[in-house]
Amino acid sequence: MRWRQRPAGSNWGDFGPDDQLGRTNLIGPEQVRKGVQEVREGISLCLSLPLDYPGGNVLNARRLPPQLRPTRREGIPYVNFPLGHVYPGATDVVSDDQVLLSLQYSTQWDSLAHVGALFDPDGDGQPRTVYYNGYRGHEHILGPQDHGIPARDGDGTAARYQPVCCAGRAPDESVARALGVEHLAVKGMQGRGVLVDLERAYGTDFRDIGYDELMRAMERSGASVEPGDMLLLRTGFAELVLSMQLQPDAHRLHHSCAALDGGDEKLLQWITDSGIAALIADNYAVERHPPRRVPEDGAPYPVLPLHEHCLFKLGLPLGELWYLKELADHLHALGRTRFLLTAPPLRLPGAVGSPVTPIATL
């Protein structure tokens, strides 16, 4: 066993000691059939932003827009390249490219390797870097440095940060040997989606959505979820991003639209009890980030409490920056909230996240 004790409220081990799918185990043949039964009009809708949006890096300084480049052979860029230069008399013209892409820059899936926690899985009083189902940082999730466990000096201030390079790791090498996004790709991420339109219920004002607000929005639209459903939340954030035409206004983006209140314990318990298999939103982090409530007594706390609850405790993947306006408009006109969702990520072994081009079929 990778753990002797599991986090309170988690489902570690419920799907097996070596499970890497978490709540997506609940998406089975019955859920796919339920999704297919929602296909009536034959309308397919793309739920992805263009992958060069939002533009710049104001939403996350670490993530940069994709950079397209030609592939090369012997220094020659293969774009508009006549193969007659290689095969005399050939009439073919070839264009071939590659991309440097932050995998969670635009419309994306967070895999279960995306967010873990400092937790004591062995019951010996020592916190360790741990992910869903007890998989370990530096053993299963590998990067070039061991960042250690944050410590505090006697006066309560953060001790000096001194990372250690990991032996045998290249300076820019990382790989998730467990919990990588390829497991979601093999799963397929196809089943019944349920949309809750928070923008239609609350507008685009800056608002935190707790359990009570979510239940009111669901009741207003007639939405309900069953175990294995994938829940999508529209806030209007993606439309705001699109309107900025690759020149995002950080202040407006960080002070507009609804986001889930990850600090609402009643909301987190509902996510547990609902049995949803994925949680998706059109905003930056699904939950409000940074949170507006933090402990005043210096007690340890997660900056991303909903991420910790979903990814770390439940194995419930998160989707972010999905484009949901056209889907919301169609469903509203039809008086429906359910549809067939097909959203596999890249089958890229070892990746922590993935761009995705989800398709809703009505």
Protein backbone atom coordinates (compact mmCIF):
# COMPACT_ATOMS: atom_id res chain seq x y z
CA MET A 1 0.00 0.00 0.00
CA ARG A 2 1.16 3.51 -0.79
CA TRP A 3 -0.77 4.79 2.24
CA ARG A 4 -1.79 3.70 5.73
CA GLN A 5 -4.31 6.48 6.17
CA ARG A 6 -6.27 8.38 3.57
CA PRO A 7 -7.47 12.00 3.67
CA ALA A 8 -10.80 12.64 5.36
CA GLY A 9 -13.58 12.66 2.79
CA SER A 10 -11.52 10.89 0.13
CA ASN A 11 -12.36 7.75 -1.85
CA TRP A 12 -8.81 6.39 -2.04
CA GLY A 13 -8.89 2.66 -2.58
CA ASP A 14 -12.62 2.50 -3.34
CA PHE A 15 -11.90 1.74 -7.01
CA GLY A 16 -8.94 -0.49 -6.21
CA PRO A 17 -5.49 0.04 -4.70
CA ASP A 18 -3.86 0.94 -8.02
CA ASP A 19 -6.72 2.94 -9.53
CA GLN A 20 -5.74 5.93 -11.70
CA LEU A 21 -9.19 6.91 -13.02
CA GLY A 22 -10.99 8.02 -9.87
CA ARG A 23 -14.58 9.09 -10.39
CA THR A 24 -14.35 8.61 -14.15
CA ASN A 25 -14.79 4.92 -13.32
CA LEU A 26 -18.47 5.86 -13.04
CA ILE A 27 -18.62 6.61 -16.78
CA GLY A 28 -19.57 3.18 -18.09
CA PRO A 29 -21.70 1.79 -20.92
CA GLU A 30 -24.91 2.94 -19.26
CA GLN A 31 -23.68 6.54 -19.11
CA VAL A 32 -22.68 6.44 -22.77
CA ARG A 33 -26.13 5.12 -23.68
CA LYS A 34 -27.75 7.88 -21.64
CA GLY A 35 -25.67 10.44 -23.52
CA VAL A 36 -26.59 8.97 -26.90
CA GLN A 37 -30.27 9.07 -25.96
CA GLU A 38 -29.96 12.86 -25.71
CA VAL A 39 -29.07 13.12 -29.42
CA ARG A 40 -32.25 14.26 -31.19
CA GLU A 41 -31.50 17.23 -33.44
CA GLY A 42 -28.20 15.98 -34.88
CA ILE A 43 -26.43 19.23 -33.94
CA SER A 44 -22.71 19.12 -33.08
CA LEU A 45 -21.12 22.03 -31.24
CA CYS A 46 -17.44 22.71 -30.57
CA LEU A 47 -16.83 23.61 -26.92
CA SER A 48 -13.23 24.77 -27.30
CA LEU A 49 -11.76 28.22 -27.49
CA PRO A 50 -9.15 28.73 -30.20
CA LEU A 51 -6.06 27.33 -28.52
CA ASP A 52 -4.15 30.60 -28.83
CA TYR A 53 -6.64 32.24 -26.44
CA PRO A 54 -6.68 33.95 -23.96
CA GLY A 55 -3.52 35.52 -25.38
CA GLY A 56 -0.43 36.60 -23.47
CA ASN A 57 0.12 35.16 -20.02
CA VAL A 58 -1.87 37.41 -17.68
CA LEU A 59 -4.02 34.53 -16.41
CA ASN A 60 -1.00 32.39 -15.57
CA ALA A 61 2.54 33.70 -15.87
CA ARG A 62 3.90 30.16 -16.39
CA ARG A 63 1.72 29.37 -19.40
CA LEU A 64 2.48 30.85 -22.80
CA PRO A 65 0.60 30.85 -26.12
CA PRO A 66 1.38 28.09 -28.61
CA GLN A 67 4.29 28.68 -30.98
CA LEU A 68 3.99 27.07 -34.41
CA ARG A 69 7.20 26.27 -36.27
CA PRO A 70 8.03 24.29 -39.43
CA THR A 71 9.64 20.91 -39.10
CA ARG A 72 13.15 20.81 -40.57
CA ARG A 73 15.38 18.33 -42.33
CA GLU A 74 19.05 19.18 -42.77
CA GLY A 75 18.15 22.74 -41.72
CA ILE A 76 15.50 23.14 -44.42
CA PRO A 77 12.04 24.28 -43.20
CA TYR A 78 9.37 22.01 -44.66
CA VAL A 79 6.61 24.52 -45.47
CA ASN A 80 5.67 24.92 -49.14
CA PHE A 81 8.54 22.55 -49.90
CA PRO A 82 8.50 20.98 -53.40
CA LEU A 83 9.54 17.35 -53.10
CA GLY A 84 11.07 17.70 -56.54
CA HIS A 85 14.17 18.98 -54.70
CA VAL A 86 14.54 15.48 -53.22
CA TYR A 87 12.84 13.28 -55.85
CA PRO A 88 13.55 14.62 -59.36
CA GLY A 89 10.34 15.12 -61.27
CA ALA A 90 8.04 14.92 -58.20
CA THR A 91 5.13 17.37 -58.18
CA ASP A 92 4.26 17.15 -54.46
CA VAL A 93 4.46 20.24 -52.25
CA VAL A 94 4.70 19.50 -48.51
CA SER A 95 3.96 21.61 -45.42
CA ASP A 96 4.72 20.08 -42.03
CA ASP A 97 4.76 21.84 -38.65
CA GLN A 98 5.30 21.41 -34.94
CA VAL A 99 4.17 23.30 -31.84
CA LEU A 100 5.53 24.34 -28.45
CA LEU A 101 2.40 24.31 -26.33
CA SER A 102 1.58 24.82 -22.66
CA LEU A 103 -0.85 21.95 -22.22
CA GLN A 104 -3.14 23.92 -19.89
CA TYR A 105 -3.04 27.26 -21.66
CA SER A 106 -6.53 27.29 -23.16
CA THR A 107 -9.46 24.81 -23.18
CA GLN A 108 -8.10 21.93 -21.12
CA TRP A 109 -8.43 18.93 -18.88
CA ASP A 110 -6.64 18.79 -15.51
CA SER A 111 -5.45 15.25 -14.92
CA LEU A 112 -5.28 13.73 -11.45
CA ALA A 113 -1.54 14.47 -11.45
CA HIS A 114 -2.17 18.22 -11.65
CA VAL A 115 -2.79 19.01 -7.97
CA GLY A 116 -1.78 17.00 -4.93
CA ALA A 117 -1.25 17.98 -1.32
CA LEU A 118 1.19 17.85 1.57
CA PHE A 119 -0.29 14.93 3.50
CA ASP A 120 0.85 12.25 5.95
CA PRO A 121 -0.08 8.99 4.17
CA ASP A 122 2.06 6.78 6.41
CA GLY A 123 0.64 7.97 9.71
CA ASP A 124 4.10 8.81 11.06
CA GLY A 125 3.52 12.54 11.44
CA GLN A 126 5.61 13.42 8.38
CA PRO A 127 3.87 15.24 5.51
CA ARG A 128 4.84 14.18 2.02
CA THR A 129 4.05 15.25 -1.51
CA VAL A 130 1.09 13.04 -2.38
CA TYR A 131 -1.48 12.78 -5.16
CA TYR A 132 -4.74 10.89 -5.65
CA ASN A 133 -4.80 7.33 -4.28
CA GLY A 134 -1.47 7.82 -2.55
CA TYR A 135 0.73 8.20 -5.61
CA ARG A 136 3.88 10.07 -4.60
CA GLY A 137 5.75 13.07 -5.83
CA HIS A 138 9.36 12.22 -6.81
CA GLU A 139 8.41 8.56 -7.14
CA HIS A 140 5.44 8.59 -9.52
CA ILE A 141 5.19 12.26 -10.49
CA LEU A 142 8.70 13.28 -11.52
CA GLY A 143 10.30 16.65 -12.09
CA PRO A 144 13.83 18.01 -12.25
CA GLN A 145 13.90 19.29 -8.64
CA ASP A 146 12.86 18.22 -5.16
CA HIS A 147 11.32 21.36 -3.67
CA GLY A 148 11.21 19.94 -0.16
CA ILE A 149 8.51 20.56 2.44
CA PRO A 150 7.93 24.26 3.22
CA ALA A 151 9.06 25.17 6.72
CA ARG A 152 8.74 28.17 9.00
CA ASP A 153 11.34 29.88 11.12
CA GLY A 154 10.76 30.54 14.81
CA ASP A 155 9.10 33.88 14.07
CA GLY A 156 6.52 32.22 11.78
CA THR A 157 7.97 33.50 8.53
CA ALA A 158 8.71 31.13 5.67
CA ALA A 159 12.11 29.50 5.87
CA ARG A 160 14.52 29.87 2.97
CA TYR A 161 13.47 27.89 -0.09
CA GLN A 162 16.27 25.57 -1.17
CA PRO A 163 15.32 23.12 -3.93
CA VAL A 164 17.57 20.15 -4.69
CA CYS A 165 18.19 18.88 -8.20
CA CYS A 166 16.99 15.31 -8.67
CA ALA A 167 19.76 12.94 -9.70
CA GLY A 168 19.40 11.63 -13.22
CA ARG A 169 16.75 14.17 -14.25
CA ALA A 170 17.30 16.61 -17.10
CA PRO A 171 16.86 20.31 -16.17
CA ASP A 172 13.55 20.59 -18.03
CA GLU A 173 12.27 17.02 -17.83
CA SER A 174 8.99 16.02 -16.21
CA VAL A 175 6.74 12.98 -16.45
CA ALA A 176 3.74 11.59 -14.61
CA ARG A 177 4.43 7.86 -14.37
CA ALA A 178 1.05 7.55 -12.69
CA LEU A 179 -2.17 9.54 -13.03
CA GLY A 180 -1.13 11.03 -16.39
CA VAL A 181 -3.75 12.41 -18.74
CA GLU A 182 -3.41 9.42 -21.07
CA HIS A 183 -5.63 7.43 -18.71
CA LEU A 184 -8.50 9.83 -19.35
CA ALA A 185 -7.83 9.55 -23.09
CA VAL A 186 -8.13 5.76 -22.99
CA LYS A 187 -11.28 6.12 -20.89
CA GLY A 188 -12.68 8.25 -23.70
CA MET A 189 -14.46 10.90 -21.61
CA GLN A 190 -17.69 10.33 -23.49
CA GLY A 191 -21.06 10.24 -21.78
CA ARG A 192 -23.88 12.47 -20.67
CA GLY A 193 -23.17 16.11 -20.01
CA VAL A 194 -25.39 18.38 -17.92
CA LEU A 195 -25.14 22.16 -18.32
CA VAL A 196 -25.96 24.66 -15.58
CA ASP A 197 -26.05 28.20 -16.95
CA LEU A 198 -24.85 30.43 -14.11
CA GLU A 199 -24.58 33.40 -16.46
CA ARG A 200 -28.28 33.18 -17.28
CA ALA A 201 -29.11 32.93 -13.58
CA TYR A 202 -26.73 35.53 -12.15
CA GLY A 203 -25.30 37.60 -15.00
CA THR A 204 -21.61 38.35 -15.34
CA ASP A 205 -21.05 40.17 -12.04
CA PHE A 206 -18.17 39.04 -9.84
CA ARG A 207 -19.83 36.43 -7.62
CA ASP A 208 -18.84 33.39 -5.60
CA ILE A 209 -21.13 30.39 -6.08
CA GLY A 210 -21.65 28.17 -3.08
CA TYR A 211 -24.01 25.27 -2.61
CA ASP A 212 -27.12 27.42 -2.17
CA GLU A 213 -26.46 29.50 -5.29
CA LEU A 214 -25.72 26.41 -7.37
CA MET A 215 -28.89 24.68 -6.23
CA ARG A 216 -30.98 27.76 -7.11
CA ALA A 217 -29.46 27.90 -10.59
CA MET A 218 -30.08 24.18 -11.13
CA GLU A 219 -33.67 24.46 -9.93
CA ARG A 220 -34.29 27.47 -12.15
CA SER A 221 -33.10 25.61 -15.27
CA GLY A 222 -34.53 22.22 -14.31
CA ALA A 223 -31.07 20.64 -14.27
CA SER A 224 -30.31 17.53 -12.26
CA VAL A 225 -27.36 15.16 -12.19
CA GLU A 226 -26.95 11.44 -11.64
CA PRO A 227 -23.81 9.43 -10.81
CA GLY A 228 -21.50 9.32 -13.82
CA ASP A 229 -22.76 12.58 -15.37
CA MET A 230 -20.27 15.28 -16.34
CA LEU A 231 -21.34 18.67 -14.99
CA LEU A 232 -20.60 21.85 -16.97
CA LEU A 233 -20.94 25.38 -15.59
CA ARG A 234 -21.25 28.43 -17.83
CA THR A 235 -20.32 31.78 -16.28
CA GLY A 236 -19.71 33.94 -19.37
CA PHE A 237 -15.96 34.09 -18.68
CA ALA A 238 -14.91 32.44 -21.95
CA GLU A 239 -17.01 34.91 -23.92
CA LEU A 240 -15.29 37.76 -22.10
CA VAL A 241 -11.91 36.25 -23.01
CA LEU A 242 -12.94 36.01 -26.67
CA SER A 243 -14.16 39.62 -26.72
CA MET A 244 -10.67 40.80 -25.74
CA GLN A 245 -9.24 39.47 -29.01
CA LEU A 246 -5.93 38.12 -27.65
CA GLN A 247 -5.33 41.29 -25.58
CA PRO A 248 -6.67 40.19 -22.18
CA ASP A 249 -7.39 42.78 -19.52
CA ALA A 250 -6.19 41.18 -16.30
CA HIS A 251 -8.23 43.42 -14.01
CA ARG A 252 -11.51 42.77 -15.81
CA LEU A 253 -10.88 39.04 -16.06
CA HIS A 254 -10.07 38.76 -12.36
CA HIS A 255 -13.10 40.83 -11.31
CA SER A 256 -15.85 39.48 -13.55
CA CYS A 257 -18.19 36.48 -13.66
CA ALA A 258 -19.06 33.74 -11.25
CA ALA A 259 -16.77 31.03 -9.88
CA LEU A 260 -17.36 28.23 -7.41
CA ASP A 261 -16.56 28.94 -3.77
CA GLY A 262 -14.09 26.19 -3.00
CA GLY A 263 -14.25 27.08 0.68
CA ASP A 264 -17.93 26.15 0.95
CA GLU A 265 -17.90 22.80 2.73
CA LYS A 266 -21.54 22.20 1.85
CA LEU A 267 -20.70 22.57 -1.84
CA LEU A 268 -17.75 20.19 -1.56
CA GLN A 269 -19.93 17.63 0.20
CA TRP A 270 -22.52 17.91 -2.58
CA ILE A 271 -19.81 17.21 -5.17
CA THR A 272 -18.94 14.08 -3.20
CA ASP A 273 -22.55 12.96 -2.81
CA SER A 274 -23.67 13.78 -6.37
CA GLY A 275 -21.47 11.16 -8.01
CA ILE A 276 -20.56 13.42 -10.92
CA ALA A 277 -17.61 12.05 -12.90
CA ALA A 278 -16.12 15.37 -14.07
CA LEU A 279 -16.55 19.06 -13.23
CA ILE A 280 -16.10 21.58 -16.03
CA ALA A 281 -16.41 25.35 -16.34
CA ASP A 282 -15.78 28.09 -18.87
CA ASN A 283 -13.64 30.06 -16.43
CA TYR A 284 -9.99 29.96 -15.49
CA ALA A 285 -9.96 27.57 -12.52
CA VAL A 286 -13.57 26.41 -11.95
CA GLU A 287 -13.22 27.79 -8.42
CA ARG A 288 -12.42 31.33 -7.28
CA HIS A 289 -8.69 31.84 -7.44
CA PRO A 290 -7.08 33.26 -5.47
CA PRO A 291 -9.60 32.52 -2.69
CA ARG A 292 -11.14 35.42 -0.85
CA ARG A 293 -11.09 33.61 2.50
CA VAL A 294 -7.94 32.30 4.16
CA PRO A 295 -7.34 31.29 7.81
CA GLU A 296 -6.34 34.18 10.03
CA ASP A 297 -4.61 31.98 12.62
CA GLY A 298 -1.85 30.76 10.29
CA ALA A 299 -3.29 27.24 10.09
CA PRO A 300 -2.38 25.19 7.00
CA TYR A 301 -4.88 25.53 4.16
CA PRO A 302 -5.21 24.80 0.43
CA VAL A 303 -5.08 27.77 -1.92
CA LEU A 304 -7.14 25.63 -4.31
CA PRO A 305 -9.59 23.86 -1.99
CA LEU A 306 -11.89 22.64 -4.76
CA HIS A 307 -8.92 21.29 -6.73
CA GLU A 308 -7.72 19.52 -3.60
CA HIS A 309 -11.17 18.06 -2.98
CA CYS A 310 -11.76 16.95 -6.57
CA LEU A 311 -8.35 15.96 -7.93
CA PHE A 312 -6.55 14.89 -4.74
CA LYS A 313 -9.35 13.37 -2.68
CA LEU A 314 -11.95 12.14 -5.19
CA GLY A 315 -10.01 11.60 -8.40
CA LEU A 316 -12.51 13.84 -10.19
CA PRO A 317 -10.97 15.60 -13.24
CA LEU A 318 -11.56 19.28 -13.88
CA GLY A 319 -12.11 21.03 -17.21
CA GLU A 320 -11.33 24.73 -17.57
CA LEU A 321 -11.78 27.51 -20.12
CA TRP A 322 -14.37 25.61 -22.16
CA TYR A 323 -16.53 27.63 -24.55
CA LEU A 324 -20.18 27.05 -23.63
CA LYS A 325 -22.25 29.93 -25.04
CA GLU A 326 -23.56 28.25 -28.21
CA LEU A 327 -24.38 25.09 -26.28
CA ALA A 328 -26.18 27.11 -23.59
CA ASP A 329 -28.22 29.02 -26.17
CA HIS A 330 -29.27 25.85 -27.98
CA LEU A 331 -30.20 24.03 -24.79
CA HIS A 332 -32.17 27.02 -23.49
CA ALA A 333 -34.14 27.26 -26.74
CA LEU A 334 -34.88 23.53 -26.57
CA GLY A 335 -35.78 23.59 -22.88
CA ARG A 336 -33.08 21.01 -22.11
CA THR A 337 -29.95 20.74 -20.00
CA ARG A 338 -28.54 17.36 -21.10
CA PHE A 339 -26.54 16.28 -24.14
CA LEU A 340 -23.94 13.82 -25.39
CA LEU A 341 -20.44 14.99 -24.49
CA THR A 342 -17.35 13.62 -26.24
CA ALA A 343 -14.13 15.09 -24.83
CA PRO A 344 -11.02 12.86 -24.87
CA PRO A 345 -7.73 14.60 -24.09
CA LEU A 346 -4.52 13.93 -25.97
CA ARG A 347 -3.22 10.41 -25.45
CA LEU A 348 0.12 11.84 -24.38
CA PRO A 349 1.78 9.51 -21.86
CA GLY A 350 3.11 11.27 -18.78
CA ALA A 351 1.34 14.59 -19.35
CA VAL A 352 -0.21 16.38 -16.36
CA GLY A 353 -2.83 18.22 -18.46
CA SER A 354 -4.08 18.39 -22.01
CA PRO A 355 -5.77 20.70 -24.46
CA VAL A 356 -9.12 19.34 -25.56
CA THR A 357 -11.60 20.02 -28.33
CA PRO A 358 -14.86 18.85 -26.73
CA ILE A 359 -17.91 18.17 -28.88
CA ALA A 360 -21.50 18.43 -27.63
CA THR A 361 -24.08 16.58 -29.69
CA LEU A 362 -27.78 17.46 -29.39
